[in-house]
Amino acid sequence: MAFCKACGSELGSAAFCPKCGASQNAATVGATSASSEGLAENIAGLLCYALGWITGIIFLLIDKRPFVRFHAAQSIVVFGALTIFRIGLAIILNFGGVFGFGVWTMISLLLTLVGLILWILLMIKAYQHQLYKVPIAAGIAEGIAGK
């Protein structure tokens, strides 16, 4: 699947982008940043999840390809929400004393396990060039990515 060097829209086999009209010959310099130009789309998608929401923000800012932008936005939403949820629970359960410590430990372990499973699953799906959508996060991610 080919994408426009200037705007990132899908080309098919066209020599000119149907959206922005940019020529797709080798001499054209696109708007894609130099740091992501030589990176395959599936590898960039995988790297969006490498350090959670941090790499999601980086790739959302530097890469203009729709596939990569979606995975970057989904990384921000999924792992950002998990981080915020863990911080919120830590604050709330710190007021619980000894009982809060046991509950916090169990919930923290559960959230860590969920985060690890999602992290592995999302990286595998991105590497396989699949647009895997986490049920609630995908709608928010599509809004962020500009779809």
Protein backbone atom coordinates (compact mmCIF):
# COMPACT_ATOMS: atom_id res chain seq x y z
CA MET A 1 0.00 0.00 0.00
CA ALA A 2 1.54 3.33 -1.08
CA PHE A 3 0.99 6.68 0.61
CA CYS A 4 1.48 10.25 -0.59
CA LYS A 5 4.86 11.73 0.30
CA ALA A 6 3.27 15.13 0.89
CA CYS A 7 -0.01 14.54 2.76
CA GLY A 8 0.05 10.85 3.72
CA SER A 9 -3.19 9.82 1.98
CA GLU A 10 -3.50 6.44 0.29
CA LEU A 11 -2.35 6.38 -3.36
CA GLY A 12 -2.90 2.94 -4.78
CA SER A 13 -0.84 2.96 -8.00
CA ALA A 14 -1.34 6.64 -8.92
CA ALA A 15 1.60 8.82 -9.96
CA PHE A 16 -0.12 11.88 -8.46
CA CYS A 17 -1.93 12.10 -5.13
CA PRO A 18 -5.72 12.23 -5.62
CA LYS A 19 -6.08 14.37 -2.46
CA CYS A 20 -3.35 17.03 -2.79
CA GLY A 21 -2.09 16.46 -6.37
CA ALA A 22 1.58 16.05 -5.38
CA SER A 23 3.81 14.13 -7.78
CA GLN A 24 5.06 10.85 -6.36
CA ASN A 25 8.26 10.47 -8.40
CA ALA A 26 11.58 9.88 -6.61
CA ALA A 27 12.78 13.50 -7.04
CA THR A 28 9.88 14.91 -5.01
CA VAL A 29 10.66 15.76 -1.41
CA GLY A 30 7.63 15.11 0.77
CA ALA A 31 6.40 16.61 4.01
CA THR A 32 7.23 13.48 5.96
CA SER A 33 9.93 14.31 8.47
CA ALA A 34 13.44 13.06 7.89
CA SER A 35 13.43 10.96 11.04
CA SER A 36 10.60 8.75 9.81
CA GLU A 37 11.25 8.83 6.06
CA GLY A 38 13.21 5.60 5.78
CA LEU A 39 11.23 3.75 8.45
CA ALA A 40 8.74 1.15 7.24
CA GLU A 41 5.16 1.91 8.22
CA ASN A 42 4.71 -1.27 10.28
CA ILE A 43 7.96 -0.67 12.19
CA ALA A 44 6.93 2.93 12.93
CA GLY A 45 3.54 1.62 14.12
CA LEU A 46 5.25 -0.86 16.42
CA LEU A 47 7.56 1.84 17.81
CA CYS A 48 4.53 3.99 18.69
CA TYR A 49 3.90 1.51 21.51
CA ALA A 50 7.54 0.90 22.55
CA LEU A 51 7.56 3.32 25.51
CA GLY A 52 3.81 3.71 25.87
CA TRP A 53 2.31 7.18 25.59
CA ILE A 54 5.75 8.83 25.34
CA THR A 55 6.61 7.31 21.95
CA GLY A 56 2.99 7.80 20.94
CA ILE A 57 3.37 11.56 21.37
CA ILE A 58 6.68 11.57 19.49
CA PHE A 59 5.32 9.68 16.47
CA LEU A 60 2.09 11.69 16.44
CA LEU A 61 4.20 14.83 16.08
CA ILE A 62 6.76 13.61 13.52
CA ASP A 63 4.92 11.16 11.25
CA LYS A 64 2.13 12.12 8.85
CA ARG A 65 1.13 8.65 7.60
CA PRO A 66 -2.45 7.75 8.68
CA PHE A 67 -1.54 4.23 9.84
CA VAL A 68 1.27 5.49 12.08
CA ARG A 69 -0.77 8.45 13.36
CA PHE A 70 -3.61 6.12 14.39
CA HIS A 71 -1.26 3.80 16.30
CA ALA A 72 0.47 6.79 17.92
CA ALA A 73 -2.87 8.24 19.04
CA GLN A 74 -4.09 4.85 20.27
CA SER A 75 -0.86 4.45 22.26
CA ILE A 76 -1.42 7.84 23.89
CA VAL A 77 -5.04 7.02 24.76
CA VAL A 78 -4.51 3.45 26.03
CA PHE A 79 -1.30 3.87 27.99
CA GLY A 80 -2.11 7.43 29.07
CA ALA A 81 -5.42 6.21 30.51
CA LEU A 82 -3.71 3.32 32.30
CA THR A 83 -1.15 5.73 33.78
CA ILE A 84 -3.80 8.20 34.92
CA PHE A 85 -5.93 5.38 36.36
CA ARG A 86 -2.98 4.00 38.36
CA ILE A 87 -2.09 7.44 39.72
CA GLY A 88 -5.72 8.12 40.66
CA LEU A 89 -6.08 4.79 42.43
CA ALA A 90 -2.81 5.34 44.29
CA ILE A 91 -4.06 8.69 45.58
CA ILE A 92 -7.49 7.35 46.56
CA LEU A 93 -6.26 4.15 48.17
CA ASN A 94 -3.47 5.82 50.13
CA PHE A 95 -6.20 7.13 52.40
CA GLY A 96 -7.29 3.53 53.14
CA GLY A 97 -4.45 2.58 55.48
CA VAL A 98 -3.57 -1.12 55.78
CA PHE A 99 -6.69 -2.24 53.91
CA GLY A 100 -5.86 0.20 51.12
CA PHE A 101 -2.37 -1.26 50.76
CA GLY A 102 -3.69 -4.77 50.05
CA VAL A 103 -6.33 -3.52 47.64
CA TRP A 104 -3.83 -1.23 45.90
CA THR A 105 -1.38 -4.10 45.47
CA MET A 106 -4.03 -6.35 43.89
CA ILE A 107 -5.37 -3.62 41.59
CA SER A 108 -1.86 -2.50 40.68
CA LEU A 109 -0.88 -6.04 39.71
CA LEU A 110 -4.05 -6.39 37.64
CA LEU A 111 -3.43 -3.09 35.83
CA THR A 112 0.20 -4.06 35.22
CA LEU A 113 -0.89 -7.37 33.71
CA VAL A 114 -3.53 -5.69 31.51
CA GLY A 115 -0.97 -3.10 30.39
CA LEU A 116 1.61 -5.77 29.55
CA ILE A 117 -0.89 -7.83 27.54
CA LEU A 118 -2.10 -4.75 25.64
CA TRP A 119 1.47 -3.60 25.02
CA ILE A 120 2.49 -6.93 23.48
CA LEU A 121 -0.77 -7.36 21.51
CA LEU A 122 -0.70 -3.85 20.06
CA MET A 123 2.95 -4.07 19.04
CA ILE A 124 2.36 -7.42 17.30
CA LYS A 125 -0.72 -6.13 15.46
CA ALA A 126 1.10 -2.97 14.33
CA TYR A 127 4.07 -5.02 13.12
CA GLN A 128 1.68 -7.23 11.12
CA HIS A 129 0.33 -3.99 9.56
CA GLN A 130 -3.13 -4.53 11.06
CA LEU A 131 -5.27 -1.65 12.23
CA TYR A 132 -6.27 -3.29 15.52
CA LYS A 133 -8.68 -1.08 17.44
CA VAL A 134 -9.01 -1.22 21.21
CA PRO A 135 -12.79 -0.87 21.75
CA ILE A 136 -13.17 2.39 23.66
CA ALA A 137 -9.78 3.93 22.88
CA ALA A 138 -10.06 3.59 19.08
CA GLY A 139 -12.80 6.21 18.74
CA ILE A 140 -10.83 8.72 20.77
CA ALA A 141 -7.63 7.84 18.89
CA GLU A 142 -9.30 8.38 15.51
CA GLY A 143 -10.34 11.85 16.65
CA ILE A 144 -6.79 12.66 17.76
CA ALA A 145 -5.20 11.21 14.61
CA GLY A 146 -7.50 13.25 12.40
CA LYS A 147 -9.38 10.45 10.66
